Amino acid sequence: MDALDVARWQFGVTTVYHFLFVPLTIGLSVLVAILQTLWHRTGNERYLKLTKFYGKLFLINFAMGVVTGIVQEFQFGMNWSDYSRFVGDIFGAPLAIEALVAFFLESTFIGLWIFGWDRLPKRAHLASIWAAAIGTNLSAYFILAANSFMQNPVGYRVNPDTGRAELTDFVAVLTNKVALITFPHTLAGSFLVAGSLVAAVGLWHVIRHRDSADTGAYRFATKFGSWVVLVASAAVLFTGDIQGKIMTDVQPMKMAAAEGLYTTESPASFSVLTVGSLDGSREVFAIKIPYLLSYLGTGDPNGTVHGINDLQAQYATQYGAGSYTPIIPVTYWSFRFMIAFGMAAAAIALLVLWSQRKGRTPTSKWLLRAGLAMPVLPLLANSFGWIFTEMGRQPWIVFGEMLTRNGVSRSVSLAEVLTSFTAFTLIYATLAVIEVKLLLRYARAGVPDVSETPPSDDTDDADRPLAFAY
């Protein structure tokens, strides 16, 4: 073990941990805005209760996401200074816009929304949560544009004198075809997470408190969240199909590793299960579906998909001697876990909707257990999706331009990286306990009492103090 190994582990752990909060923040911001819009248009009190209820869960998650996200950017300078030096000119623009525009928009209007319940006119207050949701999604786009440069470098030149990548076309970076499909795919995955949480919490209250005066609100939340999950699942499949074709074009090794495809095939079969040799150089046993991989990768059932061994020989000739193959079991199984967990959440959502057909009230304990597991499943799907995305790119940190081993900080010792890795892991474990306890506590508390509704638009009392609605 050396500093590079530990630095990679640290970045992987902190990234996956941070992304546990990101999709819920992205999706829940929009769902809370929709609930408040329903209240604004109908005046139905149950929508106001649900807005404040899920808004509280959104704010808890948002706060944790901000704290963990700050660490992500610090690591570029701590453990990956050579990488930062190489891509700083490229990353600087989208990350600066993300911080100065998207995050400021998001955080400013969240503040107005929190403290504006008894102060702002209803329309202005509604606009504030929509502005915060838009800022959240814009933030995601700029970050994904930066990450997409690592997957498919565009809009740059490498200065031979400085050895740095220099930005030549900012529009090309923002319109990178990898970013254009990764963004909707990530949004769909985020709504899958948020819808699962809304449905799971609502289902718990429907089953445990079926005689409550707020049962109608919980039933609506359960159905609303379940429909969001089903629509998001369809969007994940649609965008994932396009993403697979783009990935085959710009990163053929990643697709080959995802399928355990060692030799080039035309047509290529989709691997249901592949067992490879211990050295990862050949297939030993496989269960396959003919033509499917060719269609998924190229859009043509008879299309050619390049194999791992052929690509390795090509890259060795193009980039020099060395291994250009990612860890096959990690990419192969993370790809399948991503799909399996996401589809499991969709199946549970469908079961939840079926249990409430024609006004029925679900009572099954097994359904309750499945419903409570539902938010965890898309979180796992998102995590394995990012593990696949980043590990499948290896050994490149910027595909075709910089190897991961060349991006690590040269002056950071193994002991220093181990110290920061241990500290971050312990802190994050503590934050995880706090996050879960807070979410469970307020989720169990149920919807708030809103007998005193916010004032109408014509309220004008300059002496009224700001009110924190939670």
Protein backbone atom coordinates (compact mmCIF):
# COMPACT_ATOMS: atom_id res chain seq x y z
CA MET A 1 0.00 0.00 0.00
CA ASP A 2 1.24 3.49 -0.89
CA ALA A 3 -0.07 7.07 -0.76
CA LEU A 4 -1.76 6.65 -4.14
CA ASP A 5 -3.84 3.68 -2.94
CA VAL A 6 -4.99 5.45 0.22
CA ALA A 7 -5.69 8.70 -1.65
CA ARG A 8 -7.89 6.78 -4.07
CA TRP A 9 -9.71 5.08 -1.21
CA GLN A 10 -10.21 8.40 0.56
CA PHE A 11 -11.61 10.10 -2.51
CA GLY A 12 -13.84 7.11 -3.24
CA VAL A 13 -15.25 6.93 0.29
CA THR A 14 -15.86 10.66 0.60
CA THR A 15 -17.39 10.85 -2.88
CA VAL A 16 -19.81 7.97 -2.36
CA TYR A 17 -20.71 9.31 1.08
CA HIS A 18 -21.34 12.81 -0.28
CA PHE A 19 -23.49 11.44 -3.08
CA LEU A 20 -25.82 9.82 -0.57
CA PHE A 21 -27.12 13.36 0.09
CA VAL A 22 -26.92 14.85 -3.40
CA PRO A 23 -29.69 12.91 -5.21
CA LEU A 24 -32.12 13.35 -2.33
CA THR A 25 -31.43 17.10 -2.28
CA ILE A 26 -31.86 17.42 -6.05
CA GLY A 27 -35.07 15.41 -6.23
CA LEU A 28 -36.70 16.47 -2.97
CA SER A 29 -36.24 20.19 -3.71
CA VAL A 30 -38.46 19.84 -6.79
CA LEU A 31 -41.01 17.56 -5.08
CA VAL A 32 -41.39 19.99 -2.17
CA ALA A 33 -41.84 22.82 -4.68
CA ILE A 34 -44.55 20.79 -6.44
CA LEU A 35 -46.35 20.14 -3.15
CA GLN A 36 -46.29 23.83 -2.27
CA THR A 37 -47.55 24.68 -5.76
CA LEU A 38 -50.48 22.33 -5.22
CA TRP A 39 -51.29 24.10 -1.96
CA HIS A 40 -50.98 27.51 -3.61
CA ARG A 41 -53.36 26.54 -6.43
CA THR A 42 -55.93 24.54 -4.44
CA GLY A 43 -55.75 25.92 -0.90
CA ASN A 44 -55.99 22.32 0.36
CA GLU A 45 -54.40 22.17 3.80
CA ARG A 46 -52.98 18.68 3.32
CA TYR A 47 -50.58 19.97 0.67
CA LEU A 48 -49.35 22.65 3.07
CA LYS A 49 -48.78 20.01 5.75
CA LEU A 50 -46.86 17.81 3.32
CA THR A 51 -44.81 20.77 2.09
CA LYS A 52 -43.64 21.60 5.59
CA PHE A 53 -43.21 17.95 6.53
CA TYR A 54 -41.01 16.92 3.59
CA GLY A 55 -39.43 20.38 3.53
CA LYS A 56 -38.02 19.68 6.96
CA LEU A 57 -36.47 16.42 5.73
CA PHE A 58 -35.11 18.27 2.70
CA LEU A 59 -33.40 20.88 4.87
CA ILE A 60 -31.76 18.28 7.11
CA ASN A 61 -30.36 16.51 4.09
CA PHE A 62 -29.31 19.75 2.39
CA ALA A 63 -27.26 20.83 5.42
CA MET A 64 -25.40 17.51 5.52
CA GLY A 65 -24.75 17.63 1.79
CA VAL A 66 -23.16 21.07 2.02
CA VAL A 67 -20.82 19.98 4.82
CA THR A 68 -19.62 16.86 3.01
CA GLY A 69 -19.38 18.61 -0.36
CA ILE A 70 -16.83 21.11 0.91
CA VAL A 71 -14.40 18.28 1.65
CA GLN A 72 -14.61 17.09 -1.95
CA GLU A 73 -13.03 20.26 -3.32
CA PHE A 74 -10.38 20.36 -0.59
CA GLN A 75 -9.09 16.96 -1.69
CA PHE A 76 -8.10 18.28 -5.11
CA GLY A 77 -5.45 20.39 -3.44
CA MET A 78 -4.63 17.97 -0.64
CA ASN A 79 -4.08 14.64 -2.35
CA TRP A 80 -4.41 15.39 -6.07
CA SER A 81 -2.38 18.55 -6.66
CA ASP A 82 -0.76 17.30 -9.89
CA TYR A 83 -4.20 16.51 -11.27
CA SER A 84 -5.47 19.94 -10.16
CA ARG A 85 -2.51 21.59 -11.83
CA PHE A 86 -3.24 19.76 -15.07
CA VAL A 87 -7.02 20.43 -15.26
CA GLY A 88 -7.27 23.60 -13.20
CA ASP A 89 -7.80 25.80 -16.25
CA ILE A 90 -10.68 23.55 -17.37
CA PHE A 91 -12.29 22.85 -14.01
CA GLY A 92 -11.99 26.42 -12.79
CA ALA A 93 -14.74 27.80 -15.04
CA PRO A 94 -17.64 25.35 -14.39
CA LEU A 95 -16.83 24.96 -10.69
CA ALA A 96 -16.61 28.74 -10.23
CA ILE A 97 -19.98 29.21 -11.91
CA GLU A 98 -21.41 26.42 -9.79
CA ALA A 99 -20.28 28.12 -6.59
CA LEU A 100 -20.90 31.76 -7.52
CA VAL A 101 -24.18 31.36 -9.40
CA ALA A 102 -25.89 28.03 -8.79
CA PHE A 103 -24.99 27.49 -5.14
CA PHE A 104 -25.56 31.13 -4.19
CA LEU A 105 -28.95 31.03 -5.92
CA GLU A 106 -29.78 27.81 -4.13
CA SER A 107 -28.64 28.83 -0.65
CA THR A 108 -30.05 32.38 -0.82
CA PHE A 109 -33.54 31.31 -1.80
CA ILE A 110 -33.54 28.42 0.64
CA GLY A 111 -32.93 31.01 3.35
CA LEU A 112 -35.82 33.11 2.06
CA TRP A 113 -38.03 30.05 1.97
CA ILE A 114 -37.14 28.96 5.52
CA PHE A 115 -37.70 32.33 7.14
CA GLY A 116 -40.33 33.69 4.79
CA TRP A 117 -43.41 31.69 5.75
CA ASP A 118 -44.93 34.49 7.82
CA ARG A 119 -43.18 37.32 6.00
CA LEU A 120 -43.25 36.93 2.24
CA PRO A 121 -46.37 37.04 0.05
CA LYS A 122 -47.49 33.55 -0.93
CA ARG A 123 -46.39 33.90 -4.55
CA ALA A 124 -42.97 35.24 -3.63
CA HIS A 125 -42.53 32.49 -1.08
CA LEU A 126 -43.50 29.85 -3.64
CA ALA A 127 -41.08 31.38 -6.13
CA SER A 128 -38.29 31.09 -3.57
CA ILE A 129 -38.52 27.29 -3.30
CA TRP A 130 -38.66 26.98 -7.09
CA ALA A 131 -35.58 29.22 -7.39
CA ALA A 132 -33.78 27.06 -4.82
CA ALA A 133 -34.74 23.91 -6.76
CA ILE A 134 -33.50 25.45 -10.02
CA GLY A 135 -30.24 26.43 -8.33
CA THR A 136 -29.81 22.88 -7.03
CA ASN A 137 -30.24 21.41 -10.49
CA LEU A 138 -27.98 24.00 -12.12
CA SER A 139 -25.33 23.17 -9.54
CA ALA A 140 -25.56 19.52 -10.57
CA TYR A 141 -25.12 20.40 -14.24
CA PHE A 142 -21.93 22.42 -13.81
CA ILE A 143 -20.37 19.73 -11.62
CA LEU A 144 -21.32 17.02 -14.11
CA ALA A 145 -19.85 19.12 -16.95
CA ALA A 146 -16.55 19.18 -15.07
CA ASN A 147 -16.69 15.43 -14.43
CA SER A 148 -17.60 14.74 -18.06
CA PHE A 149 -14.32 16.34 -19.13
CA MET A 150 -12.60 13.53 -17.25
CA GLN A 151 -14.64 10.97 -19.19
CA ASN A 152 -14.42 12.67 -22.61
CA PRO A 153 -11.99 15.61 -22.79
CA VAL A 154 -13.18 18.36 -25.17
CA GLY A 155 -12.62 22.09 -25.71
CA TYR A 156 -8.95 22.17 -24.67
CA ARG A 157 -5.33 21.98 -25.75
CA VAL A 158 -2.29 20.72 -23.83
CA ASN A 159 0.40 23.38 -23.57
CA PRO A 160 3.69 21.57 -24.34
CA ASP A 161 5.68 24.10 -22.31
CA THR A 162 3.67 23.90 -19.08
CA GLY A 163 2.19 20.41 -19.47
CA ARG A 164 -1.22 21.80 -18.50
CA ALA A 165 -4.58 21.45 -20.22
CA GLU A 166 -5.79 24.90 -21.31
CA LEU A 167 -9.39 25.84 -22.03
CA THR A 168 -10.02 26.75 -25.66
CA ASP A 169 -13.81 26.34 -25.96
CA PHE A 170 -15.93 26.71 -22.82
CA VAL A 171 -19.13 26.05 -24.77
CA ALA A 172 -17.70 22.69 -25.89
CA VAL A 173 -17.06 21.78 -22.23
CA LEU A 174 -20.63 22.69 -21.27
CA THR A 175 -22.11 20.86 -24.27
CA ASN A 176 -19.93 17.76 -23.97
CA LYS A 177 -22.13 14.91 -25.18
CA VAL A 178 -21.28 12.95 -22.05
CA ALA A 179 -22.54 15.83 -19.87
CA LEU A 180 -25.70 16.28 -21.93
CA ILE A 181 -26.81 12.72 -21.23
CA THR A 182 -25.27 12.29 -17.77
CA PHE A 183 -27.28 15.25 -16.45
CA PRO A 184 -30.78 13.88 -17.24
CA HIS A 185 -29.65 10.41 -16.17
CA THR A 186 -28.49 11.81 -12.82
CA LEU A 187 -31.71 13.80 -12.41
CA ALA A 188 -33.77 10.69 -13.07
CA GLY A 189 -31.77 8.79 -10.46
CA SER A 190 -32.29 11.66 -8.02
CA PHE A 191 -36.06 11.62 -8.45
CA LEU A 192 -35.93 7.86 -7.94
CA VAL A 193 -34.36 8.46 -4.53
CA ALA A 194 -36.62 11.37 -3.54
CA GLY A 195 -39.80 9.64 -4.68
CA SER A 196 -38.83 6.53 -2.73
CA LEU A 197 -38.38 8.55 0.46
CA VAL A 198 -41.70 10.37 0.04
CA ALA A 199 -43.52 7.09 -0.63
CA ALA A 200 -41.80 5.15 2.17
CA VAL A 201 -42.52 7.74 4.87
CA GLY A 202 -46.10 8.12 3.71
CA LEU A 203 -46.62 4.35 3.66
CA TRP A 204 -45.27 4.00 7.20
CA HIS A 205 -47.80 6.49 8.50
CA VAL A 206 -50.65 4.99 6.46
CA ILE A 207 -50.06 1.54 7.93
CA ARG A 208 -49.09 2.55 11.47
CA HIS A 209 -51.60 5.40 11.91
CA ARG A 210 -54.49 4.39 9.70
CA ASP A 211 -57.04 6.16 11.97
CA SER A 212 -55.15 9.45 12.01
CA ALA A 213 -56.85 12.65 10.88
CA ASP A 214 -53.97 13.09 8.44
CA THR A 215 -54.32 9.69 6.77
CA GLY A 216 -55.54 11.36 3.57
CA ALA A 217 -52.35 13.40 3.36
CA TYR A 218 -50.19 10.34 3.91
CA ARG A 219 -52.11 8.34 1.31
CA PHE A 220 -51.55 11.10 -1.22
CA ALA A 221 -47.83 11.24 -0.36
CA THR A 222 -47.53 7.47 -0.77
CA LYS A 223 -49.15 7.50 -4.20
CA PHE A 224 -47.34 10.66 -5.28
CA GLY A 225 -43.95 9.26 -4.31
CA SER A 226 -44.65 5.89 -5.93
CA TRP A 227 -45.66 7.48 -9.23
CA VAL A 228 -42.51 9.61 -9.14
CA VAL A 229 -40.47 6.42 -8.67
CA LEU A 230 -42.12 4.71 -11.65
CA VAL A 231 -41.73 7.71 -13.96
CA ALA A 232 -38.12 8.20 -12.81
CA SER A 233 -37.38 4.52 -13.41
CA ALA A 234 -38.58 4.81 -17.00
CA ALA A 235 -36.44 7.94 -17.42
CA VAL A 236 -33.41 6.15 -15.95
CA LEU A 237 -33.81 3.31 -18.47
CA PHE A 238 -34.26 5.70 -21.40
CA THR A 239 -31.32 7.97 -20.54
CA GLY A 240 -29.19 4.99 -19.50
CA ASP A 241 -29.69 3.42 -22.93
CA ILE A 242 -28.43 6.60 -24.62
CA GLN A 243 -25.59 6.90 -22.13
CA GLY A 244 -24.51 3.32 -22.89
CA LYS A 245 -24.22 4.11 -26.60
CA ILE A 246 -22.19 7.27 -25.93
CA MET A 247 -19.99 5.35 -23.49
CA THR A 248 -19.31 2.70 -26.13
CA ASP A 249 -18.23 5.47 -28.48
CA VAL A 250 -15.94 7.49 -26.16
CA GLN A 251 -14.87 4.82 -23.62
CA PRO A 252 -15.13 1.40 -25.29
CA MET A 253 -13.00 -0.22 -22.59
CA LYS A 254 -15.57 0.71 -19.94
CA MET A 255 -18.37 -0.98 -21.89
CA ALA A 256 -16.23 -4.06 -22.52
CA ALA A 257 -15.37 -4.29 -18.82
CA ALA A 258 -19.02 -3.82 -17.84
CA GLU A 259 -19.89 -6.88 -19.90
CA GLY A 260 -16.80 -9.00 -19.31
CA LEU A 261 -16.31 -9.00 -23.09
CA TYR A 262 -12.73 -10.11 -23.72
CA THR A 263 -12.77 -10.46 -27.50
CA THR A 264 -14.37 -8.24 -30.12
CA GLU A 265 -17.77 -9.52 -31.24
CA SER A 266 -20.17 -8.64 -34.03
CA PRO A 267 -22.92 -9.21 -33.08
CA ALA A 268 -22.15 -9.07 -29.35
CA SER A 269 -24.16 -10.85 -26.66
CA PHE A 270 -25.21 -9.31 -23.35
CA SER A 271 -23.69 -11.09 -20.34
CA VAL A 272 -26.20 -12.21 -17.71
CA LEU A 273 -23.38 -13.89 -15.80
CA THR A 274 -19.70 -14.18 -16.72
CA VAL A 275 -16.93 -15.93 -14.79
CA GLY A 276 -13.43 -14.90 -15.83
CA SER A 277 -9.96 -16.25 -15.15
CA LEU A 278 -8.14 -15.17 -12.00
CA ASP A 279 -5.86 -12.84 -13.95
CA GLY A 280 -8.88 -11.26 -15.63
CA SER A 281 -7.64 -11.97 -19.15
CA ARG A 282 -10.24 -14.41 -20.48
CA GLU A 283 -13.76 -15.74 -20.07
CA VAL A 284 -14.22 -19.12 -18.37
CA PHE A 285 -18.02 -19.44 -18.26
CA ALA A 286 -20.86 -17.17 -19.37
CA ILE A 287 -24.64 -16.98 -19.72
CA LYS A 288 -25.50 -14.55 -22.52
CA ILE A 289 -28.40 -13.03 -24.46
CA PRO A 290 -27.52 -12.88 -28.19
CA TYR A 291 -27.51 -9.52 -30.03
CA LEU A 292 -28.50 -7.49 -26.96
CA LEU A 293 -25.10 -5.96 -26.21
CA SER A 294 -24.68 -4.86 -29.82
CA TYR A 295 -28.02 -3.06 -29.63
CA LEU A 296 -27.28 -1.50 -26.24
CA GLY A 297 -23.84 -0.34 -27.33
CA THR A 298 -24.40 0.71 -30.92
CA GLY A 299 -28.15 0.75 -31.60
CA ASP A 300 -27.65 -2.00 -34.17
CA PRO A 301 -28.32 -5.67 -33.22
CA ASN A 302 -25.40 -6.64 -35.47
CA GLY A 303 -23.07 -3.83 -34.34
CA THR A 304 -19.45 -4.40 -33.36
CA VAL A 305 -18.42 -4.09 -29.72
CA HIS A 306 -14.68 -4.16 -29.05
CA GLY A 307 -13.31 -6.58 -26.45
CA ILE A 308 -11.00 -5.99 -23.50
CA ASN A 309 -7.95 -7.77 -24.91
CA ASP A 310 -8.18 -6.07 -28.30
CA LEU A 311 -8.56 -2.63 -26.68
CA GLN A 312 -5.65 -3.31 -24.34
CA ALA A 313 -3.40 -4.06 -27.31
CA GLN A 314 -4.64 -0.94 -29.10
CA TYR A 315 -4.05 1.34 -26.08
CA ALA A 316 -0.61 -0.14 -25.42
CA THR A 317 0.36 0.78 -28.96
CA GLN A 318 -1.26 4.22 -28.73
CA TYR A 319 -0.23 5.31 -25.23
CA GLY A 320 2.76 3.12 -24.41
CA ALA A 321 3.38 -0.05 -22.44
CA GLY A 322 1.20 -0.74 -19.39
CA SER A 323 -2.20 -2.05 -18.36
CA TYR A 324 -5.22 -0.02 -19.51
CA THR A 325 -7.78 -2.45 -18.15
CA PRO A 326 -9.93 -1.51 -15.15
CA ILE A 327 -10.67 -3.98 -12.35
CA ILE A 328 -13.08 -6.23 -14.23
CA PRO A 329 -15.10 -7.66 -11.27
CA VAL A 330 -15.70 -4.14 -9.88
CA THR A 331 -16.96 -2.70 -13.17
CA TYR A 332 -18.91 -5.84 -14.09
CA TRP A 333 -20.79 -6.19 -10.80
CA SER A 334 -21.24 -2.50 -10.01
CA PHE A 335 -22.99 -2.13 -13.37
CA ARG A 336 -25.38 -4.95 -12.50
CA PHE A 337 -25.98 -3.83 -8.93
CA MET A 338 -26.84 -0.37 -10.26
CA ILE A 339 -29.56 -1.81 -12.48
CA ALA A 340 -30.83 -4.38 -9.98
CA PHE A 341 -31.29 -2.00 -7.04
CA GLY A 342 -32.98 0.62 -9.20
CA MET A 343 -35.44 -1.86 -10.67
CA ALA A 344 -36.15 -3.32 -7.22
CA ALA A 345 -37.25 0.13 -6.02
CA ALA A 346 -39.56 0.43 -9.03
CA ALA A 347 -41.05 -2.99 -8.32
CA ILE A 348 -41.80 -2.02 -4.71
CA ALA A 349 -43.38 1.26 -5.84
CA LEU A 350 -45.64 -0.66 -8.20
CA LEU A 351 -46.60 -3.01 -5.35
CA VAL A 352 -47.37 -0.04 -3.08
CA LEU A 353 -49.68 1.48 -5.70
CA TRP A 354 -51.41 -1.86 -6.20
CA SER A 355 -51.99 -2.18 -2.46
CA GLN A 356 -53.93 1.12 -2.46
CA ARG A 357 -56.05 0.49 -5.54
CA LYS A 358 -59.72 1.50 -5.32
CA GLY A 359 -59.24 3.17 -1.96
CA ARG A 360 -57.80 0.13 -0.17
CA THR A 361 -55.65 0.68 2.91
CA PRO A 362 -52.51 -1.50 2.99
CA THR A 363 -51.96 -3.51 6.17
CA SER A 364 -49.20 -5.99 5.26
CA LYS A 365 -46.12 -5.95 7.45
CA TRP A 366 -44.12 -7.36 4.57
CA LEU A 367 -45.19 -4.46 2.40
CA LEU A 368 -44.17 -2.06 5.17
CA ARG A 369 -40.74 -3.66 5.40
CA ALA A 370 -40.31 -3.51 1.64
CA GLY A 371 -41.47 0.11 1.64
CA LEU A 372 -38.98 1.07 4.33
CA ALA A 373 -36.20 -0.53 2.26
CA MET A 374 -37.29 1.38 -0.84
CA PRO A 375 -35.27 4.62 -0.21
CA VAL A 376 -32.10 2.61 0.41
CA LEU A 377 -32.32 0.75 -2.90
CA PRO A 378 -31.98 3.75 -5.27
CA LEU A 379 -29.28 5.18 -3.02
CA LEU A 380 -27.34 1.96 -3.56
CA ALA A 381 -28.13 2.10 -7.28
CA ASN A 382 -26.76 5.66 -7.52
CA SER A 383 -23.65 4.74 -5.52
CA PHE A 384 -22.86 1.70 -7.64
CA GLY A 385 -23.52 3.79 -10.75
CA TRP A 386 -20.83 6.26 -9.75
CA ILE A 387 -18.46 3.48 -8.71
CA PHE A 388 -18.92 1.99 -12.17
CA THR A 389 -18.47 5.37 -13.88
CA GLU A 390 -15.25 6.24 -12.06
CA MET A 391 -13.70 2.78 -11.72
CA GLY A 392 -14.51 1.86 -15.31
CA ARG A 393 -12.43 4.85 -16.48
CA GLN A 394 -9.29 3.56 -14.75
CA PRO A 395 -6.36 3.70 -15.08
CA TRP A 396 -7.15 7.17 -16.46
CA ILE A 397 -8.01 10.16 -14.28
CA VAL A 398 -8.56 12.15 -17.50
CA PHE A 399 -9.27 9.68 -20.26
CA GLY A 400 -6.49 9.54 -22.81
CA GLU A 401 -4.55 12.43 -21.24
CA MET A 402 -3.54 11.68 -17.64
CA LEU A 403 -3.14 8.44 -15.71
CA THR A 404 -4.46 8.33 -12.15
CA ARG A 405 -1.04 7.53 -10.74
CA ASN A 406 0.30 10.76 -12.26
CA GLY A 407 -2.34 12.95 -10.63
CA VAL A 408 -1.55 12.30 -6.97
CA SER A 409 0.29 14.89 -4.83
CA ARG A 410 3.98 14.03 -4.79
CA SER A 411 4.73 15.73 -1.47
CA VAL A 412 2.01 13.98 0.56
CA SER A 413 3.25 10.97 2.51
CA LEU A 414 1.44 7.72 3.22
CA ALA A 415 1.14 8.64 6.92
CA GLU A 416 -0.44 12.01 6.09
CA VAL A 417 -3.01 10.51 3.73
CA LEU A 418 -3.81 7.74 6.24
CA THR A 419 -4.35 10.35 8.95
CA SER A 420 -6.76 12.43 6.86
CA PHE A 421 -8.52 9.29 5.57
CA THR A 422 -9.05 7.98 9.11
CA ALA A 423 -10.23 11.39 10.37
CA PHE A 424 -12.68 11.91 7.53
CA THR A 425 -14.06 8.39 7.84
CA LEU A 426 -14.70 8.79 11.57
CA ILE A 427 -16.27 12.22 11.11
CA TYR A 428 -18.46 10.98 8.29
CA ALA A 429 -19.55 7.98 10.34
CA THR A 430 -20.61 10.36 13.12
CA LEU A 431 -22.45 12.59 10.64
CA ALA A 432 -24.20 9.53 9.20
CA VAL A 433 -25.56 8.61 12.63
CA ILE A 434 -26.74 12.20 13.18
CA GLU A 435 -28.36 12.36 9.73
CA VAL A 436 -30.24 9.09 10.13
CA LYS A 437 -31.43 9.93 13.65
CA LEU A 438 -32.67 13.36 12.57
CA LEU A 439 -34.47 12.00 9.52
CA LEU A 440 -36.09 9.19 11.50
CA ARG A 441 -37.08 11.51 14.34
CA TYR A 442 -38.84 14.05 12.14
CA ALA A 443 -40.26 11.43 9.77
CA ARG A 444 -41.92 9.68 12.71
CA ALA A 445 -43.25 12.97 14.08
CA GLY A 446 -45.59 13.30 11.13
CA VAL A 447 -47.05 16.34 9.43
CA PRO A 448 -47.18 19.55 11.48
CA ASP A 449 -50.23 21.41 12.72
CA VAL A 450 -50.96 24.23 10.27
CA SER A 451 -54.21 25.49 11.74
CA GLU A 452 -52.80 29.00 11.52
CA THR A 453 -52.08 29.48 7.82
CA PRO A 454 -49.63 32.08 6.51
CA PRO A 455 -51.01 35.54 5.81
CA SER A 456 -52.45 36.54 2.46
CA ASP A 457 -50.59 38.50 -0.20
CA ASP A 458 -51.86 41.88 1.05
CA THR A 459 -50.28 41.50 4.49
CA ASP A 460 -48.01 44.44 5.26
CA ASP A 461 -46.67 44.42 8.79
CA ALA A 462 -43.14 45.77 8.86
CA ASP A 463 -42.77 45.04 12.56
CA ARG A 464 -43.44 41.30 12.29
CA PRO A 465 -40.20 39.36 12.96
CA LEU A 466 -38.88 36.73 10.58
CA ALA A 467 -40.37 33.35 11.39
CA PHE A 468 -38.50 30.06 11.14
CA ALA A 469 -41.18 27.61 10.04
CA TYR A 470 -39.46 24.54 11.42
